[in-house]
Amino acid sequence: MITLSPLRWGKPYESLDFTNVVHFDTGEPIAKVGNVGGGIVGRDMRQAHKARNALLQLSTDDLIEKCKKAATLFESGTLTVGDSQQSVDDFVHQQSASTGLPEHMCRSNMQKNSFVLSNIDQILDCLTRGLNLSILSNGFGEEGRGVTVSFQSQTPVLGAVLPNNSPGVHTLWLPAIPLQVGLALKPGSQEPWTPYRMVSAFIEAGVP
């Protein structure tokens, strides 16, 4: 059975408390996920500024390129997920087994997440209406037309409680990385596979 350890600052954390991920039909355990207590989460959140500071060491252009590399790894690579090596087929079988989604839908959602990361530069261009992303890093800059604008990040991390029933909505938190905002993710109890695999792809691609 696969053990999925919590990740603190990108490193596995040895938890003493685990929750089983079970087969949607038989109830048979297929993986166990380590839990993290509120005290540890609170302690890490007091250091949350370190997440944004680490991402600010890389330019937005660098992070966009790393996101595109992560997209390829996520969709077609064999990655370290928990204490095992996970192929694409492994991912599809595991996600289908724990959520009850048909395997073709699991592959479709996988392609959707990969598409967002592969085209993250165009997506950010649309979301910001063509804003030079270095302005977001610096906090201010020349927008054009002789106009100086200022944008200030309101948080060093984006926190997300992730779902069990719709892996495709993970596309919503993926733009945080190229926007140089850290991530604090709580995976769904029956669908930890997408965030674990995505984080593994980010790490493999060189995202801090």
Protein backbone atom coordinates (compact mmCIF):
# COMPACT_ATOMS: atom_id res chain seq x y z
CA MET A 1 0.00 0.00 0.00
CA ILE A 2 1.30 3.45 -0.94
CA THR A 3 2.14 5.90 1.84
CA LEU A 4 1.63 9.57 1.00
CA SER A 5 3.53 11.63 3.55
CA PRO A 6 2.60 15.28 4.08
CA LEU A 7 4.99 17.72 2.45
CA ARG A 8 6.29 20.63 4.53
CA TRP A 9 8.33 23.12 2.50
CA GLY A 10 8.60 20.47 -0.23
CA LYS A 11 10.05 17.80 2.07
CA PRO A 12 8.26 14.67 3.36
CA TYR A 13 7.09 14.93 6.96
CA GLU A 14 7.00 11.77 9.07
CA SER A 15 3.47 11.74 10.41
CA LEU A 16 2.32 9.49 13.25
CA ASP A 17 -1.34 9.68 12.23
CA PHE A 18 -2.71 8.34 8.95
CA THR A 19 -6.02 8.24 7.08
CA ASN A 20 -6.74 5.47 4.59
CA VAL A 21 -7.71 6.18 0.99
CA VAL A 22 -10.14 3.42 0.09
CA HIS A 23 -11.52 1.89 -3.09
CA PHE A 24 -14.82 3.61 -3.91
CA ASP A 25 -16.63 0.29 -4.43
CA THR A 26 -15.00 -2.32 -2.20
CA GLY A 27 -13.83 -0.09 0.66
CA GLU A 28 -10.42 -1.77 0.49
CA PRO A 29 -7.54 0.54 1.54
CA ILE A 30 -5.32 1.44 -1.43
CA ALA A 31 -3.16 4.14 0.16
CA LYS A 32 -2.63 5.92 3.44
CA VAL A 33 -2.17 9.67 3.80
CA GLY A 34 -0.29 11.21 6.71
CA ASN A 35 -2.08 13.89 8.70
CA VAL A 36 -0.69 17.16 10.03
CA GLY A 37 -2.07 18.79 13.17
CA GLY A 38 -3.28 22.36 13.40
CA GLY A 39 -0.33 23.34 15.60
CA ILE A 40 2.17 22.40 12.92
CA VAL A 41 0.14 24.16 10.23
CA GLY A 42 0.05 27.28 12.40
CA ARG A 43 3.80 27.14 12.98
CA ASP A 44 4.47 26.82 9.25
CA MET A 45 2.07 29.65 8.44
CA ARG A 46 4.04 31.98 10.69
CA GLN A 47 6.91 31.41 8.25
CA ALA A 48 4.73 31.69 5.14
CA HIS A 49 6.66 34.71 3.86
CA LYS A 50 9.56 32.34 3.11
CA ALA A 51 7.47 30.68 0.38
CA ARG A 52 6.98 33.92 -1.53
CA ASN A 53 10.58 34.98 -0.92
CA ALA A 54 11.81 31.71 -2.45
CA LEU A 55 9.67 32.22 -5.55
CA LEU A 56 10.77 35.85 -5.87
CA GLN A 57 14.33 34.58 -6.36
CA LEU A 58 13.19 33.42 -9.81
CA SER A 59 11.75 35.68 -12.49
CA THR A 60 8.22 35.17 -13.70
CA ASP A 61 9.65 34.11 -17.08
CA ASP A 62 11.74 31.42 -15.35
CA LEU A 63 8.73 30.17 -13.40
CA ILE A 64 6.59 30.07 -16.54
CA GLU A 65 9.20 27.89 -18.26
CA LYS A 66 9.36 25.62 -15.22
CA CYS A 67 5.57 25.35 -15.25
CA LYS A 68 5.68 24.23 -18.88
CA LYS A 69 8.28 21.61 -17.98
CA ALA A 70 6.11 20.50 -15.06
CA ALA A 71 3.16 20.15 -17.47
CA THR A 72 5.09 17.62 -19.55
CA LEU A 73 6.25 15.73 -16.45
CA PHE A 74 2.73 15.67 -14.99
CA GLU A 75 1.11 14.36 -18.18
CA SER A 76 3.72 11.88 -19.37
CA GLY A 77 6.46 11.30 -16.77
CA THR A 78 7.09 8.79 -14.02
CA LEU A 79 7.25 10.75 -10.78
CA THR A 80 7.94 10.15 -7.11
CA VAL A 81 4.58 10.18 -5.34
CA GLY A 82 4.77 9.27 -1.68
CA ASP A 83 7.03 6.25 -1.22
CA SER A 84 6.55 4.97 -4.78
CA GLN A 85 7.26 5.78 -8.40
CA GLN A 86 4.04 6.63 -10.22
CA SER A 87 3.58 6.23 -13.98
CA VAL A 88 0.74 7.88 -15.89
CA ASP A 89 -1.19 4.60 -15.94
CA ASP A 90 -0.65 4.18 -12.19
CA PHE A 91 -2.06 7.66 -11.61
CA VAL A 92 -5.15 6.98 -13.74
CA HIS A 93 -5.84 3.61 -12.07
CA GLN A 94 -5.37 5.01 -8.55
CA GLN A 95 -7.52 8.08 -9.12
CA SER A 96 -10.28 6.03 -10.72
CA ALA A 97 -10.18 3.47 -7.91
CA SER A 98 -10.55 6.01 -5.09
CA THR A 99 -13.00 8.45 -6.71
CA GLY A 100 -15.11 6.21 -8.93
CA LEU A 101 -14.42 8.41 -11.97
CA PRO A 102 -14.10 6.47 -15.25
CA GLU A 103 -10.50 6.21 -16.38
CA HIS A 104 -11.14 8.19 -19.56
CA MET A 105 -12.32 11.11 -17.42
CA CYS A 106 -9.20 10.81 -15.25
CA ARG A 107 -7.05 11.09 -18.37
CA SER A 108 -9.16 14.01 -19.61
CA ASN A 109 -8.71 15.91 -16.35
CA MET A 110 -5.00 15.17 -16.47
CA GLN A 111 -4.80 16.69 -19.94
CA LYS A 112 -6.79 19.73 -18.76
CA ASN A 113 -4.32 20.43 -15.94
CA SER A 114 -1.39 19.93 -18.27
CA PHE A 115 -2.94 22.25 -20.87
CA VAL A 116 -3.26 25.07 -18.32
CA LEU A 117 0.40 24.77 -17.29
CA SER A 118 1.59 24.43 -20.89
CA ASN A 119 -0.20 27.66 -21.82
CA ILE A 120 0.23 29.50 -18.53
CA ASP A 121 1.92 32.47 -20.23
CA GLN A 122 -1.11 33.06 -22.47
CA ILE A 123 -3.51 32.50 -19.57
CA LEU A 124 -1.72 35.04 -17.38
CA ASP A 125 -1.65 37.46 -20.30
CA CYS A 126 -5.44 37.19 -20.49
CA LEU A 127 -5.98 37.38 -16.72
CA THR A 128 -3.83 40.51 -16.39
CA ARG A 129 -4.89 42.09 -19.72
CA GLY A 130 -1.36 42.05 -21.03
CA LEU A 131 0.33 43.46 -17.93
CA ASN A 132 4.12 43.10 -17.80
CA LEU A 133 4.43 40.48 -15.05
CA SER A 134 7.62 42.05 -13.71
CA ILE A 135 5.34 44.79 -12.35
CA LEU A 136 3.76 42.21 -10.05
CA SER A 137 7.21 41.12 -8.84
CA ASN A 138 8.43 44.67 -8.23
CA GLY A 139 5.15 46.00 -6.90
CA PHE A 140 5.05 48.89 -9.39
CA GLY A 141 6.06 49.75 -12.93
CA GLU A 142 5.22 51.42 -16.21
CA GLU A 143 1.98 50.07 -17.63
CA GLY A 144 2.21 52.06 -20.86
CA ARG A 145 0.79 55.35 -22.04
CA GLY A 146 3.05 57.04 -19.49
CA VAL A 147 1.06 55.52 -16.62
CA THR A 148 2.75 54.10 -13.51
CA VAL A 149 0.74 51.43 -11.68
CA SER A 150 1.23 49.59 -8.40
CA PHE A 151 0.14 46.08 -7.42
CA GLN A 152 0.90 44.62 -3.98
CA SER A 153 0.54 40.95 -3.06
CA GLN A 154 -1.96 40.58 -0.22
CA THR A 155 -0.67 37.20 0.91
CA PRO A 156 2.55 35.16 0.63
CA VAL A 157 0.61 31.91 0.10
CA LEU A 158 -2.63 30.70 -1.45
CA GLY A 159 -4.44 28.16 0.71
CA ALA A 160 -6.84 25.70 -0.90
CA VAL A 161 -9.02 22.90 0.43
CA LEU A 162 -9.14 20.56 -2.54
CA PRO A 163 -12.12 18.45 -3.68
CA ASN A 164 -12.67 14.73 -4.06
CA ASN A 165 -15.12 14.72 -6.93
CA SER A 166 -13.70 16.99 -9.63
CA PRO A 167 -9.94 16.79 -10.24
CA GLY A 168 -10.26 19.26 -13.12
CA VAL A 169 -10.78 22.23 -10.77
CA HIS A 170 -7.10 22.02 -9.77
CA THR A 171 -6.49 24.33 -12.72
CA LEU A 172 -7.68 27.16 -10.44
CA TRP A 173 -4.65 27.12 -8.11
CA LEU A 174 -1.96 26.39 -10.70
CA PRO A 175 -1.38 30.08 -11.68
CA ALA A 176 -0.20 30.87 -8.13
CA ILE A 177 3.33 29.60 -8.82
CA PRO A 178 4.21 31.84 -11.80
CA LEU A 179 2.60 34.73 -9.89
CA GLN A 180 5.25 34.05 -7.19
CA VAL A 181 2.74 33.11 -4.51
CA GLY A 182 3.33 29.99 -2.42
CA LEU A 183 0.86 27.14 -1.99
CA ALA A 184 -0.67 25.54 1.11
CA LEU A 185 -2.83 22.65 -0.07
CA LYS A 186 -5.14 20.28 1.79
CA PRO A 187 -5.77 17.32 -0.55
CA GLY A 188 -9.17 15.70 -0.75
CA SER A 189 -9.44 12.56 1.39
CA GLN A 190 -10.29 10.40 -1.64
CA GLU A 191 -8.37 12.32 -4.29
CA PRO A 192 -4.86 13.15 -3.07
CA TRP A 193 -3.39 11.97 -6.38
CA THR A 194 -3.58 15.16 -8.44
CA PRO A 195 -1.99 17.57 -5.93
CA TYR A 196 0.72 15.07 -4.99
CA ARG A 197 1.60 14.38 -8.60
CA MET A 198 1.47 18.06 -9.53
CA VAL A 199 3.71 19.09 -6.63
CA SER A 200 6.12 16.30 -7.57
CA ALA A 201 6.19 17.63 -11.13
CA PHE A 202 6.84 21.17 -9.88
CA ILE A 203 9.73 19.97 -7.71
CA GLU A 204 11.20 17.91 -10.56
CA ALA A 205 10.95 20.98 -12.82
CA GLY A 206 12.95 23.06 -10.35
CA VAL A 207 10.25 25.09 -8.61
CA PRO A 208 11.27 25.80 -4.96
